[in-house]
Amino acid sequence: MSSRVLVRAPNWIGDAVLSLGAVRDVRRNFPQARLEVLARPWVAELYQAVGEVDAVRETSRFRGDVEGLRSAFDTAILLTNSFGSALQMRLAGIPARWGYATDLRAPLLTRSARVPDALRGESEVYYYRAMLAGVGLRVSAQPDTSLACRPDWAGRGEALLLDGGRWIGLNPGAAFGPAKRWIPERYAALADRLVRKAGVRVALLGAAADRPVAEAIAESMREAPTILCGQTSLGDLAGVLSRLALLITNDSGPMHLASALGVPVVALFGPTDWRETAPRGPHRLLREAVPCAPCKLRACPVDHRCMRLLGVDRVERECLEMLEVA
């Protein structure tokens, strides 16, 4: 029985959130083991809030990770799909290395699983679950991807949203590419309506790269919002999200983080497959049934109809219902 187990985490916030059910299933299979997670620096803080995890390590350079892992673990479970992550575990001399046989890495693994065809069109949480089952582990029928906001995160969120009252968040960015983003002018118009009809305060959230679009939205609004793009660590962001009455967002990492925290979400979907990446918590998912979606392209080669046809009136109705405003 393995006494030291390492889980190599996915690299992006949304994927990391959707992997939480798999991490909890690993703990159930190894109740007495020391369970650690190896994660990219920008997602590592997420796993510090998972009670089933004993410690979190941040990735560094390739060789640095290999040396840091040498003789430290009996089993490595890879939630990543890359050849490089499997090669690291092999070079580190970890005896048992389990994961999907993707990216030509099956020879580097001691147990490997094929990606089941039946996963197409299913939530990504079942992608991780199927890998664990494929290497012989017991899995939960309903993976738990919830997350409790740590007190220090909540305190940092309170400090960033200084004013009291009811807050909503707008997340107008999406790292994957512009095709996933709803039109900025519509975010501004929506925010103005919700301020007027629901009496809310507005925070604009996202990475530093999203700040220009956030500033453009703010300039179009009648009442100035609070812009936090590029000013939050992952824990800060979780603390801010936990304060919100509602998050309006594109398909993105913050969408999944809010959902895991139990924050109501209005999710605007265009080119991505809503069946695979829908939020798991309380939400309304809005999309237009255009024939070219889901195309999964980073940039639209035609007229961006999947997002262009999604009007402010429709989004407003859903937001007001979730905010319980008549």
Protein backbone atom coordinates (compact mmCIF):
# COMPACT_ATOMS: atom_id res chain seq x y z
CA MET A 1 0.00 0.00 0.00
CA SER A 2 1.36 3.40 -0.95
CA SER A 3 2.18 5.60 2.04
CA ARG A 4 3.23 8.69 0.02
CA VAL A 5 0.99 9.74 -2.86
CA LEU A 6 1.46 12.68 -5.21
CA VAL A 7 -1.29 14.12 -7.42
CA ARG A 8 -0.04 16.23 -10.35
CA ALA A 9 -2.74 18.88 -10.70
CA PRO A 10 -4.14 20.39 -13.91
CA ASN A 11 -2.59 23.66 -15.00
CA TRP A 12 -5.59 26.01 -15.23
CA ILE A 13 -8.03 27.30 -12.62
CA GLY A 14 -11.18 25.85 -14.15
CA ASP A 15 -9.59 22.45 -14.69
CA ALA A 16 -8.18 22.53 -11.16
CA VAL A 17 -11.64 23.17 -9.70
CA LEU A 18 -13.14 20.35 -11.75
CA SER A 19 -10.37 18.03 -10.54
CA LEU A 20 -11.33 18.39 -6.87
CA GLY A 21 -13.65 15.39 -7.00
CA ALA A 22 -10.78 13.23 -8.28
CA VAL A 23 -8.45 14.47 -5.53
CA ARG A 24 -11.06 13.53 -2.94
CA ASP A 25 -11.44 10.11 -4.53
CA VAL A 26 -7.67 9.60 -4.33
CA ARG A 27 -7.85 10.31 -0.59
CA ARG A 28 -10.64 7.75 -0.17
CA ASN A 29 -8.48 5.14 -1.87
CA PHE A 30 -5.45 6.00 0.29
CA PRO A 31 -6.93 7.03 3.66
CA GLN A 32 -3.69 6.58 5.63
CA ALA A 33 -1.23 7.91 3.04
CA ARG A 34 0.45 11.30 3.01
CA LEU A 35 -1.27 13.00 0.07
CA GLU A 36 0.43 15.94 -1.64
CA VAL A 37 -0.47 17.95 -4.73
CA LEU A 38 2.05 19.32 -7.23
CA ALA A 39 0.55 22.36 -8.98
CA ARG A 40 1.47 25.40 -11.02
CA PRO A 41 2.00 28.50 -8.84
CA TRP A 42 -1.16 30.18 -10.10
CA VAL A 43 -3.42 27.28 -9.02
CA ALA A 44 -1.51 25.90 -6.03
CA GLU A 45 -3.37 28.06 -3.50
CA LEU A 46 -6.64 26.41 -4.49
CA TYR A 47 -5.55 23.02 -3.15
CA GLN A 48 -4.53 24.57 0.18
CA ALA A 49 -8.25 24.85 0.91
CA VAL A 50 -8.89 21.13 0.31
CA GLY A 51 -8.94 19.36 3.64
CA GLU A 52 -8.12 15.99 2.12
CA VAL A 53 -4.69 17.26 0.99
CA ASP A 54 -1.77 17.17 3.44
CA ALA A 55 0.55 19.55 1.55
CA VAL A 56 0.85 21.47 -1.70
CA ARG A 57 4.04 21.86 -3.75
CA GLU A 58 4.52 24.45 -6.47
CA THR A 59 6.14 23.48 -9.73
CA SER A 60 9.43 25.10 -10.70
CA ARG A 61 11.73 24.30 -13.58
CA PHE A 62 11.58 20.81 -15.10
CA ARG A 63 14.83 19.59 -13.56
CA GLY A 64 14.06 21.29 -10.25
CA ASP A 65 10.79 19.38 -9.99
CA VAL A 66 12.54 16.10 -10.78
CA GLU A 67 15.12 16.64 -8.05
CA GLY A 68 12.51 17.79 -5.55
CA LEU A 69 10.38 14.69 -6.10
CA ARG A 70 13.20 12.15 -6.03
CA SER A 71 12.64 9.47 -3.36
CA ALA A 72 9.71 11.46 -1.95
CA PHE A 73 6.74 9.41 -3.19
CA ASP A 74 5.61 5.84 -3.82
CA THR A 75 2.82 6.72 -6.27
CA ALA A 76 2.22 9.60 -8.67
CA ILE A 77 -1.26 10.13 -10.13
CA LEU A 78 -1.27 12.43 -13.14
CA LEU A 79 -4.34 14.57 -13.78
CA THR A 80 -2.37 16.23 -16.58
CA ASN A 81 -2.14 14.77 -20.07
CA SER A 82 1.35 15.84 -21.14
CA PHE A 83 4.36 13.73 -21.96
CA GLY A 84 6.52 16.06 -19.90
CA SER A 85 4.67 15.52 -16.64
CA ALA A 86 4.96 11.74 -17.02
CA LEU A 87 8.65 12.04 -17.88
CA GLN A 88 9.26 14.06 -14.70
CA MET A 89 7.76 11.30 -12.56
CA ARG A 90 9.83 8.66 -14.35
CA LEU A 91 13.07 10.61 -13.97
CA ALA A 92 12.26 11.24 -10.30
CA GLY A 93 12.16 7.47 -9.79
CA ILE A 94 8.61 7.30 -8.44
CA PRO A 95 7.83 3.56 -8.60
CA ALA A 96 4.10 3.75 -9.46
CA ARG A 97 3.03 6.28 -12.12
CA TRP A 98 -0.63 6.33 -13.18
CA GLY A 99 -2.53 8.38 -15.71
CA TYR A 100 -4.11 8.60 -19.14
CA ALA A 101 -2.12 7.13 -22.04
CA THR A 102 -2.18 10.45 -23.89
CA ASP A 103 0.64 12.26 -25.72
CA LEU A 104 2.55 8.99 -26.40
CA ARG A 105 3.43 8.65 -22.72
CA ALA A 106 2.11 5.14 -21.99
CA PRO A 107 5.67 3.66 -21.82
CA LEU A 108 6.44 6.09 -18.98
CA LEU A 109 3.45 4.95 -16.90
CA THR A 110 3.12 1.80 -14.82
CA ARG A 111 -0.69 1.93 -15.08
CA SER A 112 -2.39 3.73 -17.92
CA ALA A 113 -5.97 4.28 -19.03
CA ARG A 114 -7.48 5.08 -22.40
CA VAL A 115 -9.85 8.02 -22.69
CA PRO A 116 -13.35 6.48 -22.97
CA ASP A 117 -15.36 7.53 -26.00
CA ALA A 118 -18.41 7.84 -23.74
CA LEU A 119 -16.89 10.92 -22.09
CA ARG A 120 -17.60 13.10 -25.12
CA GLY A 121 -20.25 15.63 -24.12
CA GLU A 122 -19.93 14.83 -20.40
CA SER A 123 -18.70 17.16 -17.66
CA GLU A 124 -14.94 17.32 -17.30
CA VAL A 125 -15.27 16.08 -13.71
CA TYR A 126 -16.02 12.66 -15.19
CA TYR A 127 -12.88 12.85 -17.34
CA TYR A 128 -10.74 12.79 -14.20
CA ARG A 129 -13.03 10.26 -12.54
CA ALA A 130 -12.75 7.89 -15.53
CA MET A 131 -8.95 7.99 -15.40
CA LEU A 132 -8.95 6.94 -11.75
CA ALA A 133 -11.36 4.12 -12.52
CA GLY A 134 -9.24 3.12 -15.52
CA VAL A 135 -6.17 2.59 -13.33
CA GLY A 136 -8.14 0.54 -10.82
CA LEU A 137 -9.23 3.01 -8.14
CA ARG A 138 -12.67 3.29 -6.58
CA VAL A 139 -14.55 6.40 -7.62
CA SER A 140 -17.59 8.33 -6.37
CA ALA A 141 -20.81 8.34 -8.33
CA GLN A 142 -21.09 12.12 -7.83
CA PRO A 143 -17.66 13.76 -7.54
CA ASP A 144 -17.51 16.58 -4.99
CA THR A 145 -16.04 19.75 -6.51
CA SER A 146 -17.14 22.14 -3.76
CA LEU A 147 -14.76 24.48 -1.98
CA ALA A 148 -15.03 26.31 1.34
CA CYS A 149 -13.66 29.84 1.46
CA ARG A 150 -10.77 29.98 3.92
CA PRO A 151 -11.06 32.68 6.63
CA ASP A 152 -7.92 34.44 5.41
CA TRP A 153 -9.32 34.52 1.86
CA ALA A 154 -12.60 35.95 3.15
CA GLY A 155 -10.75 38.61 5.10
CA ARG A 156 -8.78 39.67 2.04
CA GLY A 157 -11.99 39.81 0.02
CA GLU A 158 -13.56 42.07 2.65
CA ALA A 159 -10.55 44.38 2.43
CA LEU A 160 -10.84 44.67 -1.37
CA LEU A 161 -14.58 45.38 -1.31
CA LEU A 162 -14.47 48.16 1.26
CA ASP A 163 -18.03 49.37 0.94
CA GLY A 164 -20.93 47.46 2.36
CA GLY A 165 -24.07 46.54 0.50
CA ARG A 166 -24.84 43.94 -2.08
CA TRP A 167 -22.14 43.24 -4.67
CA ILE A 168 -22.18 41.53 -8.04
CA GLY A 169 -19.13 40.66 -10.12
CA LEU A 170 -18.50 40.91 -13.85
CA ASN A 171 -15.80 38.69 -15.33
CA PRO A 172 -15.45 39.90 -18.94
CA GLY A 173 -12.22 38.06 -19.81
CA ALA A 174 -11.33 34.50 -20.78
CA ALA A 175 -7.76 33.27 -21.14
CA PHE A 176 -8.55 30.84 -23.96
CA GLY A 177 -9.24 33.58 -26.50
CA PRO A 178 -11.60 36.34 -27.66
CA ALA A 179 -14.26 33.98 -29.01
CA LYS A 180 -15.35 33.13 -25.44
CA ARG A 181 -15.94 36.77 -24.49
CA TRP A 182 -19.31 38.48 -24.46
CA ILE A 183 -19.35 41.98 -25.95
CA PRO A 184 -17.93 44.60 -23.49
CA GLU A 185 -20.58 47.22 -24.26
CA ARG A 186 -23.23 44.71 -23.27
CA TYR A 187 -21.53 44.05 -19.94
CA ALA A 188 -21.64 47.81 -19.30
CA ALA A 189 -25.31 48.12 -20.25
CA LEU A 190 -26.20 45.09 -18.14
CA ALA A 191 -24.32 46.44 -15.13
CA ASP A 192 -26.10 49.80 -15.33
CA ARG A 193 -29.49 48.09 -15.41
CA LEU A 194 -28.66 45.89 -12.42
CA VAL A 195 -27.39 48.85 -10.42
CA ARG A 196 -30.63 50.70 -11.13
CA LYS A 197 -33.06 47.81 -10.61
CA ALA A 198 -31.35 45.73 -7.93
CA GLY A 199 -29.36 48.38 -6.07
CA VAL A 200 -26.12 46.43 -6.34
CA ARG A 201 -22.48 47.50 -6.34
CA VAL A 202 -20.31 46.22 -9.23
CA ALA A 203 -16.82 44.73 -9.16
CA LEU A 204 -14.91 43.95 -12.36
CA LEU A 205 -12.75 40.85 -11.95
CA GLY A 206 -10.05 39.14 -13.96
CA ALA A 207 -6.36 38.94 -14.70
CA ALA A 208 -4.05 41.87 -15.47
CA ALA A 209 -4.56 41.18 -19.18
CA ASP A 210 -8.29 41.84 -18.71
CA ARG A 211 -7.78 45.32 -17.28
CA PRO A 212 -8.08 47.20 -20.62
CA VAL A 213 -11.47 45.66 -21.36
CA ALA A 214 -12.55 46.25 -17.75
CA GLU A 215 -11.58 49.91 -18.02
CA ALA A 216 -13.53 50.21 -21.27
CA ILE A 217 -16.58 48.74 -19.54
CA ALA A 218 -16.15 51.10 -16.59
CA GLU A 219 -15.93 54.14 -18.88
CA SER A 220 -19.27 53.18 -20.46
CA MET A 221 -21.06 52.79 -17.12
CA ARG A 222 -23.02 55.56 -15.40
CA GLU A 223 -21.80 54.60 -11.92
CA ALA A 224 -18.11 53.76 -11.52
CA PRO A 225 -17.44 50.13 -10.60
CA THR A 226 -14.52 48.77 -8.58
CA ILE A 227 -11.87 47.34 -10.91
CA LEU A 228 -9.86 44.48 -9.41
CA CYS A 229 -8.35 43.00 -12.58
CA GLY A 230 -4.74 42.06 -11.95
CA GLN A 231 -4.98 42.95 -8.25
CA THR A 232 -5.96 39.57 -6.77
CA SER A 233 -4.14 36.37 -6.00
CA LEU A 234 -6.23 33.22 -6.34
CA GLY A 235 -7.08 33.38 -2.64
CA ASP A 236 -7.97 37.08 -2.91
CA LEU A 237 -10.23 36.29 -5.84
CA ALA A 238 -11.95 33.51 -3.88
CA GLY A 239 -12.49 35.93 -1.01
CA VAL A 240 -14.03 38.54 -3.30
CA LEU A 241 -16.20 35.96 -5.03
CA SER A 242 -17.49 34.70 -1.70
CA ARG A 243 -18.83 38.22 -1.00
CA LEU A 244 -20.88 38.36 -4.20
CA ALA A 245 -24.61 37.93 -4.58
CA LEU A 246 -24.02 36.99 -8.23
CA LEU A 247 -21.22 36.59 -10.77
CA ILE A 248 -21.88 37.25 -14.49
CA THR A 249 -19.11 35.63 -16.46
CA ASN A 250 -17.82 34.06 -19.63
CA ASP A 251 -16.74 30.40 -19.53
CA SER A 252 -13.58 30.81 -17.46
CA GLY A 253 -11.61 29.86 -14.37
CA PRO A 254 -13.32 32.44 -12.12
CA MET A 255 -16.67 31.00 -13.22
CA HIS A 256 -15.68 27.58 -11.88
CA LEU A 257 -14.14 29.01 -8.72
CA ALA A 258 -17.31 30.97 -7.90
CA SER A 259 -19.43 27.91 -8.58
CA ALA A 260 -17.27 25.75 -6.29
CA LEU A 261 -17.72 28.34 -3.54
CA GLY A 262 -21.51 28.15 -3.96
CA VAL A 263 -21.83 31.65 -5.44
CA PRO A 264 -24.75 32.00 -7.91
CA VAL A 265 -23.46 32.33 -11.46
CA VAL A 266 -24.90 33.51 -14.76
CA ALA A 267 -22.60 31.86 -17.30
CA LEU A 268 -22.44 33.12 -20.90
CA PHE A 269 -21.35 30.42 -23.33
CA GLY A 270 -20.37 30.72 -26.97
CA PRO A 271 -17.81 28.50 -28.72
CA THR A 272 -17.10 26.10 -25.85
CA ASP A 273 -19.06 22.93 -25.12
CA TRP A 274 -21.48 23.73 -22.31
CA ARG A 275 -21.93 20.05 -21.57
CA GLU A 276 -18.25 19.60 -20.71
CA THR A 277 -17.46 22.82 -18.85
CA ALA A 278 -20.71 24.03 -17.29
CA PRO A 279 -20.39 25.22 -13.68
CA ARG A 280 -21.37 22.64 -11.09
CA GLY A 281 -22.97 24.91 -8.48
CA PRO A 282 -26.06 27.17 -8.63
CA HIS A 283 -26.14 28.77 -12.06
CA ARG A 284 -28.01 29.82 -15.18
CA LEU A 285 -26.19 28.90 -18.38
CA LEU A 286 -27.10 31.10 -21.36
CA ARG A 287 -26.20 30.29 -24.93
CA GLU A 288 -27.56 30.67 -28.44
CA ALA A 289 -28.22 27.46 -30.38
CA VAL A 290 -26.33 28.46 -33.51
CA PRO A 291 -25.26 25.65 -35.87
CA CYS A 292 -21.54 26.41 -35.63
CA ALA A 293 -21.35 26.08 -31.84
CA PRO A 294 -19.56 24.58 -30.06
CA CYS A 295 -16.65 25.15 -32.44
CA LYS A 296 -14.04 25.42 -29.63
CA LEU A 297 -12.06 28.00 -31.62
CA ARG A 298 -10.05 30.75 -29.91
CA ALA A 299 -11.16 33.40 -32.42
CA CYS A 300 -14.32 33.42 -34.51
CA PRO A 301 -13.66 33.21 -38.27
CA VAL A 302 -17.11 34.58 -39.16
CA ASP A 303 -19.37 36.99 -37.25
CA HIS A 304 -19.20 35.74 -33.61
CA ARG A 305 -22.89 34.98 -33.77
CA CYS A 306 -22.86 32.68 -30.72
CA MET A 307 -22.13 35.70 -28.53
CA ARG A 308 -23.52 38.50 -30.70
CA LEU A 309 -27.03 37.00 -30.60
CA LEU A 310 -26.97 36.79 -26.81
CA GLY A 311 -28.79 40.00 -25.92
CA VAL A 312 -28.72 42.19 -22.81
CA ASP A 313 -32.46 41.79 -22.18
CA ARG A 314 -32.21 38.03 -21.86
CA VAL A 315 -29.18 38.16 -19.58
CA GLU A 316 -30.80 40.85 -17.44
CA ARG A 317 -33.92 38.72 -16.86
CA GLU A 318 -31.86 35.79 -15.67
CA CYS A 319 -29.74 37.99 -13.40
CA LEU A 320 -32.76 39.64 -11.79
CA GLU A 321 -34.36 36.26 -11.17
CA MET A 322 -31.19 34.98 -9.48
CA LEU A 323 -31.00 38.19 -7.46
CA GLU A 324 -34.71 37.69 -6.61
CA VAL A 325 -35.68 41.10 -7.87
CA ALA A 326 -39.25 41.32 -9.12
